[in-house]
């Protein structure tokens, strides 16, 4: 992706560089930090960038929200936006802003039981109905989401 700068990582490659879809969301010249493979060089480089530099944090799995927020606080970043990518950051079919209303809308519109008759239709419908509870939506989004956070250096 044009304009995205990936900090050098040992044997690493940018998770977003090749995706034209992320180019719509990520500002040109942003620095990408992949928190899935922590790198002291990246942390040092981000903390030395001038104020106003755009930084993109990429993480996935359980506690990604906590890791991203902790990294942002340590690096002196102001979090501007947070996104969830489904099914993954590299192959995002859906990018949803990590906001309760957006996540609830996504769950209601795209998590459905396939049409047709099936033995699992009733149990799946009950599971989806349960999962649409606001508390569970927040919990699941924090656990299963592949997270991309846009921040700006203070």
N, C-alpha and C. Protein backbone atom coordinates (compact mmCIF):
# COMPACT_ATOMS: atom_id res chain seq x y z
N UNK A 1 0.85 -1.16 0.00
CA UNK A 1 0.00 0.00 0.00
C UNK A 1 0.89 1.22 0.00
N UNK A 2 0.63 2.14 -0.84
CA UNK A 2 1.45 3.32 -1.01
C UNK A 2 1.39 4.19 0.24
N UNK A 3 2.54 4.59 0.71
CA UNK A 3 2.60 5.52 1.82
C UNK A 3 2.74 4.89 3.18
N UNK A 4 2.51 3.62 3.32
CA UNK A 4 2.61 2.98 4.62
C UNK A 4 4.05 2.54 4.84
N UNK A 5 4.63 2.92 5.95
CA UNK A 5 6.01 2.60 6.25
C UNK A 5 6.02 1.53 7.31
N UNK A 6 6.61 0.41 7.00
CA UNK A 6 6.72 -0.66 7.99
C UNK A 6 8.08 -0.55 8.65
N UNK A 7 8.10 -0.52 9.97
CA UNK A 7 9.36 -0.47 10.67
C UNK A 7 10.09 -1.78 10.47
N UNK A 8 11.42 -1.73 10.36
CA UNK A 8 12.16 -2.97 10.13
C UNK A 8 11.94 -3.97 11.24
N UNK A 9 11.67 -5.17 10.87
CA UNK A 9 11.52 -6.25 11.84
C UNK A 9 12.30 -7.45 11.32
N UNK A 10 12.77 -8.25 12.21
CA UNK A 10 13.56 -9.40 11.82
C UNK A 10 12.71 -10.36 11.02
N UNK A 11 13.02 -10.47 9.74
CA UNK A 11 12.28 -11.40 8.88
C UNK A 11 10.83 -11.04 8.72
N UNK A 12 10.42 -9.88 9.19
CA UNK A 12 9.02 -9.50 9.17
C UNK A 12 8.61 -8.81 7.89
N UNK A 13 7.31 -8.71 7.70
CA UNK A 13 6.74 -8.04 6.54
C UNK A 13 5.48 -7.33 7.01
N UNK A 14 5.21 -6.23 6.36
CA UNK A 14 4.03 -5.46 6.72
C UNK A 14 2.77 -6.29 6.52
N UNK A 15 1.85 -6.16 7.46
CA UNK A 15 0.58 -6.88 7.33
C UNK A 15 -0.38 -6.14 6.42
N UNK A 16 -0.16 -4.83 6.23
CA UNK A 16 -1.12 -4.02 5.50
C UNK A 16 -0.57 -3.47 4.18
N UNK A 17 0.72 -3.63 3.92
CA UNK A 17 1.36 -3.03 2.75
C UNK A 17 0.70 -3.43 1.44
N UNK A 18 0.28 -4.67 1.31
CA UNK A 18 -0.23 -5.17 0.04
C UNK A 18 -1.73 -5.01 -0.14
N UNK A 19 -2.39 -4.43 0.81
CA UNK A 19 -3.84 -4.36 0.77
C UNK A 19 -4.33 -2.97 0.34
N UNK A 20 -4.98 -2.93 -0.81
CA UNK A 20 -5.54 -1.66 -1.29
C UNK A 20 -6.72 -1.23 -0.42
N UNK A 21 -7.40 -2.20 0.20
CA UNK A 21 -8.56 -1.87 1.04
C UNK A 21 -8.15 -1.02 2.24
N UNK A 22 -7.01 -1.33 2.84
CA UNK A 22 -6.58 -0.55 4.01
C UNK A 22 -6.13 0.85 3.60
N UNK A 23 -5.78 1.05 2.34
CA UNK A 23 -5.35 2.37 1.87
C UNK A 23 -6.43 3.43 2.01
N UNK A 24 -7.67 3.02 2.05
CA UNK A 24 -8.77 3.96 2.22
C UNK A 24 -8.82 4.49 3.65
N UNK A 25 -8.42 3.67 4.60
CA UNK A 25 -8.55 4.00 6.02
C UNK A 25 -7.27 4.59 6.60
N UNK A 26 -6.13 4.07 6.17
CA UNK A 26 -4.85 4.45 6.78
C UNK A 26 -4.26 5.65 6.07
N UNK A 27 -3.84 6.67 6.83
CA UNK A 27 -3.27 7.86 6.19
C UNK A 27 -1.91 7.56 5.55
N UNK A 28 -1.59 8.25 4.46
CA UNK A 28 -0.30 8.04 3.81
C UNK A 28 0.86 8.38 4.76
N UNK A 29 1.92 7.60 4.68
CA UNK A 29 3.10 7.84 5.49
C UNK A 29 3.02 7.32 6.91
N UNK A 30 1.96 6.60 7.24
CA UNK A 30 1.81 6.07 8.60
C UNK A 30 2.84 4.98 8.85
N UNK A 31 3.26 4.86 10.09
CA UNK A 31 4.20 3.83 10.50
C UNK A 31 3.39 2.67 11.05
N UNK A 32 3.68 1.46 10.58
CA UNK A 32 2.97 0.27 11.04
C UNK A 32 3.80 -0.48 12.07
N UNK A 33 3.15 -0.84 13.17
CA UNK A 33 3.80 -1.63 14.21
C UNK A 33 2.95 -2.88 14.42
N UNK A 34 3.55 -4.02 14.18
CA UNK A 34 2.85 -5.30 14.35
C UNK A 34 3.11 -5.78 15.77
N UNK A 35 2.09 -5.75 16.62
CA UNK A 35 2.26 -6.15 18.01
C UNK A 35 2.22 -7.67 18.18
N UNK A 36 1.97 -8.40 17.10
CA UNK A 36 2.01 -9.86 17.19
C UNK A 36 3.45 -10.35 17.29
N UNK A 37 4.37 -9.59 16.74
CA UNK A 37 5.78 -9.90 16.90
C UNK A 37 6.47 -8.66 17.45
N UNK A 38 6.48 -8.55 18.77
CA UNK A 38 7.04 -7.37 19.41
C UNK A 38 8.49 -7.17 19.01
N UNK A 39 8.85 -5.92 18.82
CA UNK A 39 10.18 -5.58 18.35
C UNK A 39 10.65 -4.32 19.07
N UNK A 40 11.72 -4.42 19.81
CA UNK A 40 12.23 -3.25 20.54
C UNK A 40 12.62 -2.12 19.60
N UNK A 41 13.14 -2.46 18.42
CA UNK A 41 13.52 -1.45 17.45
C UNK A 41 12.31 -0.63 17.03
N UNK A 42 11.18 -1.30 16.80
CA UNK A 42 9.96 -0.60 16.41
C UNK A 42 9.48 0.32 17.53
N UNK A 43 9.50 -0.17 18.76
CA UNK A 43 9.07 0.65 19.90
C UNK A 43 9.95 1.88 20.06
N UNK A 44 11.24 1.70 19.90
CA UNK A 44 12.16 2.83 20.02
C UNK A 44 11.95 3.81 18.88
N UNK A 45 11.77 3.29 17.66
CA UNK A 45 11.58 4.17 16.50
C UNK A 45 10.30 4.99 16.63
N UNK A 46 9.23 4.39 17.12
CA UNK A 46 7.97 5.13 17.28
C UNK A 46 8.13 6.21 18.34
N UNK A 47 8.79 5.90 19.43
CA UNK A 47 8.93 6.89 20.49
C UNK A 47 9.84 8.04 20.09
N UNK A 48 10.63 7.86 19.05
CA UNK A 48 11.52 8.94 18.57
C UNK A 48 10.92 9.74 17.42
N UNK A 49 9.77 9.36 16.92
CA UNK A 49 9.16 10.10 15.82
C UNK A 49 8.62 11.42 16.32
N UNK A 50 8.54 12.42 15.46
CA UNK A 50 8.03 13.73 15.89
C UNK A 50 6.53 13.69 16.18
N UNK A 51 6.08 14.66 16.95
CA UNK A 51 4.65 14.78 17.25
C UNK A 51 3.88 14.94 15.95
N UNK A 52 2.72 14.33 15.89
CA UNK A 52 1.88 14.41 14.70
C UNK A 52 2.07 13.26 13.73
N UNK A 53 3.03 12.38 13.99
CA UNK A 53 3.26 11.22 13.11
C UNK A 53 2.13 10.21 13.31
N UNK A 54 1.58 9.73 12.19
CA UNK A 54 0.52 8.71 12.25
C UNK A 54 1.16 7.34 12.44
N UNK A 55 0.57 6.55 13.35
CA UNK A 55 1.06 5.22 13.66
C UNK A 55 -0.11 4.24 13.60
N UNK A 56 0.11 3.07 13.01
CA UNK A 56 -0.90 2.03 12.90
C UNK A 56 -0.43 0.84 13.72
N UNK A 57 -1.26 0.43 14.68
CA UNK A 57 -0.96 -0.75 15.50
C UNK A 57 -1.80 -1.91 15.00
N UNK A 58 -1.16 -3.06 14.78
CA UNK A 58 -1.85 -4.25 14.29
C UNK A 58 -1.67 -5.35 15.31
N UNK A 59 -2.78 -5.97 15.73
CA UNK A 59 -2.71 -7.05 16.70
C UNK A 59 -3.94 -7.94 16.54
N UNK A 60 -3.85 -9.14 17.07
CA UNK A 60 -5.01 -10.04 17.00
C UNK A 60 -5.03 -10.94 18.22
N UNK A 61 -6.17 -11.58 18.38
CA UNK A 61 -6.30 -12.55 19.45
C UNK A 61 -6.79 -11.96 20.75
N UNK A 62 -6.89 -12.82 21.74
CA UNK A 62 -7.37 -12.38 23.05
C UNK A 62 -6.48 -11.27 23.62
N UNK A 63 -7.10 -10.31 24.25
CA UNK A 63 -6.42 -9.19 24.91
C UNK A 63 -5.74 -8.23 23.95
N UNK A 64 -6.10 -8.25 22.67
CA UNK A 64 -5.48 -7.32 21.73
C UNK A 64 -5.83 -5.87 22.06
N UNK A 65 -7.02 -5.64 22.57
CA UNK A 65 -7.39 -4.28 22.97
C UNK A 65 -6.46 -3.78 24.06
N UNK A 66 -6.24 -4.60 25.04
CA UNK A 66 -5.38 -4.23 26.16
C UNK A 66 -3.95 -3.99 25.69
N UNK A 67 -3.40 -4.90 24.85
CA UNK A 67 -2.03 -4.74 24.36
C UNK A 67 -1.86 -3.47 23.54
N UNK A 68 -2.83 -3.19 22.66
CA UNK A 68 -2.75 -1.99 21.83
C UNK A 68 -2.81 -0.72 22.68
N UNK A 69 -3.71 -0.68 23.63
CA UNK A 69 -3.84 0.51 24.48
C UNK A 69 -2.61 0.70 25.36
N UNK A 70 -2.06 -0.40 25.86
CA UNK A 70 -0.85 -0.31 26.67
C UNK A 70 0.33 0.20 25.83
N UNK A 71 0.49 -0.32 24.63
CA UNK A 71 1.56 0.12 23.74
C UNK A 71 1.39 1.60 23.39
N UNK A 72 0.15 1.99 23.08
CA UNK A 72 -0.11 3.38 22.71
C UNK A 72 0.24 4.32 23.86
N UNK A 73 -0.11 3.94 25.08
CA UNK A 73 0.20 4.78 26.24
C UNK A 73 1.70 4.90 26.44
N UNK A 74 2.41 3.79 26.29
CA UNK A 74 3.87 3.81 26.47
C UNK A 74 4.58 4.59 25.37
N UNK A 75 4.05 4.53 24.16
CA UNK A 75 4.69 5.19 23.02
C UNK A 75 4.24 6.64 22.86
N UNK A 76 3.32 7.09 23.71
CA UNK A 76 2.84 8.47 23.62
C UNK A 76 1.94 8.71 22.43
N UNK A 77 1.05 7.74 22.16
CA UNK A 77 0.13 7.87 21.03
C UNK A 77 -1.26 8.24 21.51
N UNK A 78 -1.92 9.06 20.74
CA UNK A 78 -3.33 9.36 20.96
C UNK A 78 -4.12 8.48 19.99
N UNK A 79 -4.96 7.59 20.50
CA UNK A 79 -5.73 6.68 19.65
C UNK A 79 -6.85 7.46 18.99
N UNK A 80 -6.86 7.46 17.65
CA UNK A 80 -7.87 8.18 16.90
C UNK A 80 -9.02 7.27 16.47
N UNK A 81 -8.69 6.05 16.03
CA UNK A 81 -9.72 5.10 15.60
C UNK A 81 -9.25 3.69 15.89
N UNK A 82 -10.22 2.81 16.08
CA UNK A 82 -9.92 1.40 16.30
C UNK A 82 -10.86 0.59 15.42
N UNK A 83 -10.30 -0.38 14.69
CA UNK A 83 -11.08 -1.19 13.77
C UNK A 83 -10.91 -2.67 14.08
N UNK A 84 -11.94 -3.44 13.76
CA UNK A 84 -11.89 -4.89 13.82
C UNK A 84 -11.96 -5.40 12.39
N UNK A 85 -11.12 -6.36 12.05
CA UNK A 85 -11.11 -6.93 10.71
C UNK A 85 -11.56 -8.38 10.79
N UNK A 86 -12.47 -8.75 9.90
CA UNK A 86 -12.98 -10.12 9.85
C UNK A 86 -12.78 -10.68 8.45
N UNK A 87 -12.30 -11.86 8.22
CA UNK A 87 -11.85 -12.82 9.21
C UNK A 87 -10.44 -12.56 9.72
N UNK A 88 -9.63 -11.77 8.98
CA UNK A 88 -8.28 -11.48 9.46
C UNK A 88 -7.83 -10.13 8.92
N UNK A 89 -6.75 -9.60 9.47
CA UNK A 89 -6.23 -8.32 9.02
C UNK A 89 -5.72 -8.44 7.59
N UNK A 90 -5.00 -9.51 7.30
CA UNK A 90 -4.43 -9.69 5.97
C UNK A 90 -5.49 -9.86 4.89
N UNK A 91 -6.56 -10.54 5.19
CA UNK A 91 -7.60 -10.81 4.21
C UNK A 91 -8.94 -10.32 4.73
N UNK A 92 -9.00 -9.05 5.01
CA UNK A 92 -10.21 -8.48 5.61
C UNK A 92 -11.35 -8.41 4.60
N UNK A 93 -12.40 -9.14 4.88
CA UNK A 93 -13.61 -9.04 4.09
C UNK A 93 -14.51 -7.94 4.65
N UNK A 94 -14.44 -7.79 5.98
CA UNK A 94 -15.23 -6.78 6.66
C UNK A 94 -14.31 -6.01 7.61
N UNK A 95 -14.42 -4.71 7.58
CA UNK A 95 -13.71 -3.86 8.53
C UNK A 95 -14.77 -3.06 9.26
N UNK A 96 -14.82 -3.25 10.58
CA UNK A 96 -15.86 -2.64 11.40
C UNK A 96 -15.19 -1.76 12.44
N UNK A 97 -15.67 -0.52 12.56
CA UNK A 97 -15.13 0.34 13.60
C UNK A 97 -15.45 -0.27 14.97
N UNK A 98 -14.46 -0.26 15.85
CA UNK A 98 -14.63 -0.86 17.17
C UNK A 98 -15.43 0.08 18.07
N UNK A 99 -16.69 0.17 17.74
CA UNK A 99 -17.65 0.99 18.46
C UNK A 99 -18.86 0.08 18.70
N UNK A 100 -19.48 0.22 19.86
CA UNK A 100 -20.56 -0.69 20.20
C UNK A 100 -21.65 -0.72 19.14
N UNK A 101 -22.07 0.42 18.64
CA UNK A 101 -23.16 0.46 17.65
C UNK A 101 -22.75 -0.22 16.34
N UNK A 102 -21.52 0.04 15.89
CA UNK A 102 -21.03 -0.58 14.65
C UNK A 102 -20.92 -2.09 14.78
N UNK A 103 -20.39 -2.55 15.90
CA UNK A 103 -20.25 -3.98 16.12
C UNK A 103 -21.63 -4.64 16.22
N UNK A 104 -22.55 -4.00 16.92
CA UNK A 104 -23.91 -4.56 17.05
C UNK A 104 -24.58 -4.65 15.68
N UNK A 105 -24.42 -3.62 14.86
CA UNK A 105 -25.00 -3.64 13.52
C UNK A 105 -24.39 -4.77 12.70
N UNK A 106 -23.06 -4.91 12.77
CA UNK A 106 -22.38 -5.98 12.03
C UNK A 106 -22.89 -7.35 12.45
N UNK A 107 -22.97 -7.58 13.77
CA UNK A 107 -23.43 -8.88 14.27
C UNK A 107 -24.86 -9.16 13.81
N UNK A 108 -25.71 -8.14 13.84
CA UNK A 108 -27.12 -8.34 13.48
C UNK A 108 -27.29 -8.60 11.98
N UNK A 109 -26.45 -7.98 11.15
CA UNK A 109 -26.63 -8.10 9.69
C UNK A 109 -25.87 -9.27 9.07
N UNK A 110 -24.69 -9.59 9.61
CA UNK A 110 -23.85 -10.56 8.93
C UNK A 110 -23.69 -11.89 9.65
N UNK A 111 -24.00 -11.95 10.92
CA UNK A 111 -23.97 -13.22 11.62
C UNK A 111 -25.38 -13.79 11.63
N UNK A 112 -25.66 -14.60 10.64
CA UNK A 112 -27.01 -15.16 10.51
C UNK A 112 -26.90 -16.66 10.28
N UNK A 113 -28.01 -17.31 10.47
CA UNK A 113 -28.09 -18.75 10.18
C UNK A 113 -28.42 -18.89 8.70
N UNK A 114 -27.68 -19.74 8.00
CA UNK A 114 -27.97 -19.92 6.56
C UNK A 114 -29.40 -20.38 6.35
N UNK A 115 -30.02 -19.92 5.27
CA UNK A 115 -31.40 -20.33 5.01
C UNK A 115 -31.49 -21.81 4.66
N UNK A 116 -32.65 -22.35 4.84
CA UNK A 116 -32.87 -23.77 4.53
C UNK A 116 -33.15 -24.56 5.80
N UNK A 117 -33.50 -25.79 5.60
CA UNK A 117 -33.82 -26.65 6.75
C UNK A 117 -32.58 -27.42 7.16
N UNK A 118 -32.37 -27.42 8.45
CA UNK A 118 -31.21 -28.11 8.99
C UNK A 118 -31.52 -28.50 10.43
N UNK A 119 -30.89 -29.56 10.88
CA UNK A 119 -31.07 -29.96 12.27
C UNK A 119 -30.46 -28.93 13.22
N UNK A 120 -29.48 -28.20 12.74
CA UNK A 120 -28.80 -27.22 13.58
C UNK A 120 -29.42 -25.83 13.53
N UNK A 121 -30.45 -25.65 12.74
CA UNK A 121 -31.02 -24.32 12.56
C UNK A 121 -31.54 -23.73 13.88
N UNK A 122 -32.28 -24.48 14.64
CA UNK A 122 -32.83 -23.97 15.90
C UNK A 122 -31.73 -23.70 16.92
N UNK A 123 -30.79 -24.64 17.16
CA UNK A 123 -29.72 -24.34 18.12
C UNK A 123 -28.86 -23.14 17.68
N UNK A 124 -28.54 -23.04 16.37
CA UNK A 124 -27.75 -21.91 15.89
C UNK A 124 -28.51 -20.59 16.05
N UNK A 125 -29.78 -20.62 15.79
CA UNK A 125 -30.59 -19.41 15.97
C UNK A 125 -30.57 -18.97 17.44
N UNK A 126 -30.69 -19.92 18.35
CA UNK A 126 -30.64 -19.59 19.78
C UNK A 126 -29.27 -19.04 20.18
N UNK A 127 -28.21 -19.63 19.66
CA UNK A 127 -26.86 -19.15 19.97
C UNK A 127 -26.68 -17.72 19.45
N UNK A 128 -27.09 -17.47 18.21
CA UNK A 128 -26.95 -16.12 17.66
C UNK A 128 -27.81 -15.12 18.41
N UNK A 129 -28.98 -15.53 18.81
CA UNK A 129 -29.85 -14.63 19.58
C UNK A 129 -29.18 -14.27 20.91
N UNK A 130 -28.55 -15.25 21.54
CA UNK A 130 -27.85 -15.01 22.80
C UNK A 130 -26.63 -14.12 22.61
N UNK A 131 -25.89 -14.39 21.55
CA UNK A 131 -24.66 -13.63 21.29
C UNK A 131 -24.95 -12.17 20.96
N UNK A 132 -26.13 -11.87 20.53
CA UNK A 132 -26.47 -10.48 20.20
C UNK A 132 -26.73 -9.62 21.43
N UNK A 133 -26.64 -10.18 22.61
CA UNK A 133 -26.76 -9.38 23.83
C UNK A 133 -25.57 -8.41 23.89
N UNK A 134 -25.80 -7.16 24.24
CA UNK A 134 -24.72 -6.15 24.22
C UNK A 134 -23.47 -6.56 24.98
N UNK A 135 -23.63 -7.12 26.16
CA UNK A 135 -22.45 -7.51 26.94
C UNK A 135 -21.62 -8.56 26.20
N UNK A 136 -22.29 -9.57 25.64
CA UNK A 136 -21.58 -10.62 24.93
C UNK A 136 -20.95 -10.12 23.64
N UNK A 137 -21.59 -9.17 22.97
CA UNK A 137 -21.00 -8.59 21.76
C UNK A 137 -19.68 -7.91 22.08
N UNK A 138 -19.66 -7.14 23.15
CA UNK A 138 -18.42 -6.46 23.55
C UNK A 138 -17.34 -7.47 23.92
N UNK A 139 -17.74 -8.49 24.66
CA UNK A 139 -16.78 -9.52 25.07
C UNK A 139 -16.21 -10.24 23.86
N UNK A 140 -17.07 -10.68 22.95
CA UNK A 140 -16.61 -11.40 21.76
C UNK A 140 -15.74 -10.52 20.86
N UNK A 141 -16.12 -9.26 20.71
CA UNK A 141 -15.32 -8.36 19.88
C UNK A 141 -13.92 -8.18 20.46
N UNK A 142 -13.81 -8.18 21.78
CA UNK A 142 -12.50 -8.01 22.40
C UNK A 142 -11.67 -9.29 22.31
N UNK A 143 -12.32 -10.43 22.15
CA UNK A 143 -11.60 -11.70 22.12
C UNK A 143 -11.27 -12.15 20.70
N UNK A 144 -12.23 -12.08 19.80
CA UNK A 144 -12.02 -12.67 18.47
C UNK A 144 -11.52 -11.68 17.43
N UNK A 145 -11.55 -10.41 17.71
CA UNK A 145 -11.23 -9.42 16.70
C UNK A 145 -9.78 -9.34 16.33
N UNK A 146 -9.54 -9.16 15.07
CA UNK A 146 -8.23 -8.81 14.55
C UNK A 146 -8.23 -7.28 14.54
N UNK A 147 -7.39 -6.67 15.31
CA UNK A 147 -7.50 -5.24 15.60
C UNK A 147 -6.46 -4.42 14.85
N UNK A 148 -6.92 -3.28 14.33
CA UNK A 148 -6.04 -2.27 13.72
C UNK A 148 -6.40 -0.94 14.38
N UNK A 149 -5.41 -0.31 15.00
CA UNK A 149 -5.65 0.95 15.69
C UNK A 149 -4.84 2.05 15.03
N UNK A 150 -5.51 3.16 14.73
CA UNK A 150 -4.83 4.32 14.17
C UNK A 150 -4.58 5.31 15.29
N UNK A 151 -3.34 5.70 15.42
CA UNK A 151 -2.97 6.66 16.45
C UNK A 151 -2.10 7.75 15.89
N UNK A 152 -1.93 8.77 16.67
CA UNK A 152 -1.06 9.88 16.28
C UNK A 152 -0.16 10.20 17.45
N UNK A 153 1.08 10.40 17.15
CA UNK A 153 2.09 10.70 18.17
C UNK A 153 1.81 12.06 18.78
N UNK A 154 1.80 12.10 20.14
CA UNK A 154 1.56 13.38 20.84
C UNK A 154 2.79 14.22 20.84
